[in-house]
Structures are given as structure tokens and as C-alpha cells.
């Protein structure tokens, strides 16, 4: 797979997982903590995709 594809997969998986984490402690997915989790998960997914592409 190309590096670009791995990064996009990382963004999709990371932002989805990061947005779902606040649900585990009782918050809504559509909340500030859900949005923050999605951003952090997306950034982490970009980093992981970039590292896997090397």
C-alpha cells in the first residue's frame, strides 16, 4: 500500500475510535469531548500511517 493510503486509513480509524472513547465514560459522541477525541485520534492515526508507510 502507498503511504498516502495508509495515512487516510489511519485518519479514518483513529478519528472514529477517538470519537467513540468518550462514550465509554458516558459522554455523547456529539459533544466537545467527542470532537476532541476525534481530533486527537485523527492526528494519532496520521502519525501511525506515516510510520507504517516508511
N, C-alpha and C. Protein backbone atom coordinates (compact mmCIF):
# COMPACT_ATOMS: atom_id res chain seq x y z
N UNK A 1 0.84 -1.18 0.00
CA UNK A 1 0.00 0.00 0.00
C UNK A 1 0.88 1.24 0.00
N UNK A 2 0.35 2.28 -0.56
CA UNK A 2 1.12 3.51 -0.59
C UNK A 2 1.01 4.23 0.75
N UNK A 3 1.94 5.12 0.98
CA UNK A 3 1.96 5.88 2.22
C UNK A 3 0.70 6.72 2.37
N UNK A 4 0.24 7.27 1.26
CA UNK A 4 -0.96 8.12 1.28
C UNK A 4 -2.19 7.31 1.71
N UNK A 5 -2.32 6.10 1.22
CA UNK A 5 -3.44 5.24 1.58
C UNK A 5 -3.40 4.88 3.06
N UNK A 6 -2.21 4.55 3.55
CA UNK A 6 -2.07 4.20 4.97
C UNK A 6 -2.42 5.38 5.87
N UNK A 7 -2.05 6.58 5.46
CA UNK A 7 -2.37 7.77 6.25
C UNK A 7 -3.88 7.98 6.29
N UNK A 8 -4.56 7.82 5.16
CA UNK A 8 -6.02 8.01 5.12
C UNK A 8 -6.74 6.95 5.94
N UNK A 9 -6.25 5.73 5.90
CA UNK A 9 -6.82 4.68 6.73
C UNK A 9 -6.62 5.02 8.20
N UNK A 10 -5.43 5.50 8.54
CA UNK A 10 -5.16 5.91 9.92
C UNK A 10 -6.06 7.03 10.38
N UNK A 11 -6.32 8.00 9.51
CA UNK A 11 -7.22 9.10 9.86
C UNK A 11 -8.63 8.57 10.12
N UNK A 12 -9.11 7.71 9.23
CA UNK A 12 -10.48 7.19 9.37
C UNK A 12 -10.63 6.36 10.66
N UNK A 13 -9.72 5.45 10.87
CA UNK A 13 -9.81 4.57 12.04
C UNK A 13 -9.56 5.37 13.33
N UNK A 14 -8.55 6.22 13.31
CA UNK A 14 -8.21 6.99 14.50
C UNK A 14 -9.28 7.96 14.92
N UNK A 15 -9.86 8.67 13.97
CA UNK A 15 -10.89 9.65 14.33
C UNK A 15 -12.18 8.95 14.77
N UNK A 16 -12.48 7.80 14.18
CA UNK A 16 -13.65 7.05 14.62
C UNK A 16 -13.46 6.52 16.03
N UNK A 17 -12.32 5.92 16.28
CA UNK A 17 -12.05 5.38 17.62
C UNK A 17 -11.95 6.50 18.65
N UNK A 18 -11.29 7.58 18.29
CA UNK A 18 -11.17 8.70 19.22
C UNK A 18 -12.49 9.37 19.53
N UNK A 19 -13.39 9.40 18.59
CA UNK A 19 -14.70 9.96 18.83
C UNK A 19 -15.59 9.05 19.67
N UNK A 20 -15.30 7.76 19.65
CA UNK A 20 -16.10 6.81 20.42
C UNK A 20 -15.63 6.66 21.86
N UNK A 21 -14.38 6.98 22.16
CA UNK A 21 -13.84 6.81 23.51
C UNK A 21 -14.66 7.55 24.57
N UNK A 22 -15.10 8.79 24.36
CA UNK A 22 -15.91 9.45 25.40
C UNK A 22 -17.22 8.73 25.72
N UNK A 23 -17.74 7.94 24.79
CA UNK A 23 -18.96 7.18 25.04
C UNK A 23 -18.73 6.16 26.15
N UNK A 24 -17.51 5.68 26.26
CA UNK A 24 -17.19 4.68 27.29
C UNK A 24 -17.35 5.23 28.70
N UNK A 25 -17.18 6.54 28.88
CA UNK A 25 -17.40 7.12 30.21
C UNK A 25 -18.70 7.89 30.32
N UNK A 26 -19.59 7.71 29.36
CA UNK A 26 -20.94 8.24 29.48
C UNK A 26 -21.22 9.53 28.73
N UNK A 27 -20.27 10.07 28.03
CA UNK A 27 -20.49 11.30 27.27
C UNK A 27 -21.13 10.95 25.92
N UNK A 28 -21.68 11.94 25.26
CA UNK A 28 -22.24 11.74 23.93
C UNK A 28 -21.15 11.80 22.88
N UNK A 29 -21.41 11.15 21.75
CA UNK A 29 -20.46 11.25 20.64
C UNK A 29 -20.46 12.65 20.06
N UNK A 30 -21.62 13.32 20.13
CA UNK A 30 -21.73 14.69 19.64
C UNK A 30 -21.57 15.62 20.84
N UNK A 31 -20.35 15.78 21.27
CA UNK A 31 -20.04 16.66 22.40
C UNK A 31 -18.63 17.20 22.19
N UNK A 32 -18.23 18.10 23.07
CA UNK A 32 -16.88 18.65 22.94
C UNK A 32 -15.83 17.57 23.15
N UNK A 33 -16.06 16.67 24.11
CA UNK A 33 -15.08 15.61 24.34
C UNK A 33 -15.04 14.63 23.16
N UNK A 34 -16.17 14.40 22.51
CA UNK A 34 -16.17 13.56 21.31
C UNK A 34 -15.42 14.19 20.16
N UNK A 35 -15.61 15.51 20.01
CA UNK A 35 -14.88 16.24 18.96
C UNK A 35 -13.38 16.24 19.24
N UNK A 36 -13.03 16.49 20.49
CA UNK A 36 -11.62 16.50 20.86
C UNK A 36 -11.00 15.12 20.68
N UNK A 37 -11.74 14.08 21.04
CA UNK A 37 -11.25 12.72 20.85
C UNK A 37 -11.05 12.39 19.38
N UNK A 38 -11.94 12.86 18.54
CA UNK A 38 -11.80 12.63 17.10
C UNK A 38 -10.56 13.31 16.54
N UNK A 39 -10.31 14.53 16.99
CA UNK A 39 -9.12 15.26 16.52
C UNK A 39 -7.85 14.55 16.97
N UNK A 40 -7.79 14.19 18.24
CA UNK A 40 -6.60 13.51 18.76
C UNK A 40 -6.42 12.16 18.08
N UNK A 41 -7.50 11.41 17.92
CA UNK A 41 -7.41 10.12 17.24
C UNK A 41 -6.99 10.24 15.79
N UNK A 42 -7.49 11.27 15.12
CA UNK A 42 -7.10 11.50 13.73
C UNK A 42 -5.62 11.84 13.60
N UNK A 43 -5.14 12.69 14.50
CA UNK A 43 -3.71 13.04 14.48
C UNK A 43 -2.83 11.82 14.79
N UNK A 44 -3.27 11.03 15.75
CA UNK A 44 -2.53 9.81 16.06
C UNK A 44 -2.57 8.84 14.88
N UNK A 45 -3.71 8.77 14.19
CA UNK A 45 -3.83 7.92 13.01
C UNK A 45 -2.92 8.37 11.88
N UNK A 46 -2.78 9.69 11.71
CA UNK A 46 -1.85 10.22 10.70
C UNK A 46 -0.43 9.80 11.03
N UNK A 47 -0.06 9.92 12.30
CA UNK A 47 1.29 9.55 12.73
C UNK A 47 1.56 8.06 12.50
N UNK A 48 0.59 7.22 12.89
CA UNK A 48 0.77 5.77 12.72
C UNK A 48 0.83 5.41 11.23
N UNK A 49 -0.03 5.99 10.42
CA UNK A 49 0.00 5.73 8.98
C UNK A 49 1.31 6.16 8.34
N UNK A 50 1.83 7.30 8.80
CA UNK A 50 3.10 7.79 8.27
C UNK A 50 4.23 6.84 8.65
N UNK A 51 4.24 6.38 9.90
CA UNK A 51 5.30 5.46 10.36
C UNK A 51 5.21 4.11 9.65
N UNK A 52 3.98 3.62 9.43
CA UNK A 52 3.83 2.34 8.74
C UNK A 52 4.24 2.45 7.27
N UNK A 53 4.12 3.62 6.69
CA UNK A 53 4.48 3.83 5.29
C UNK A 53 5.97 3.90 5.04
N UNK A 54 6.73 4.10 6.10
CA UNK A 54 8.19 4.18 5.93
C UNK A 54 8.86 2.84 5.79
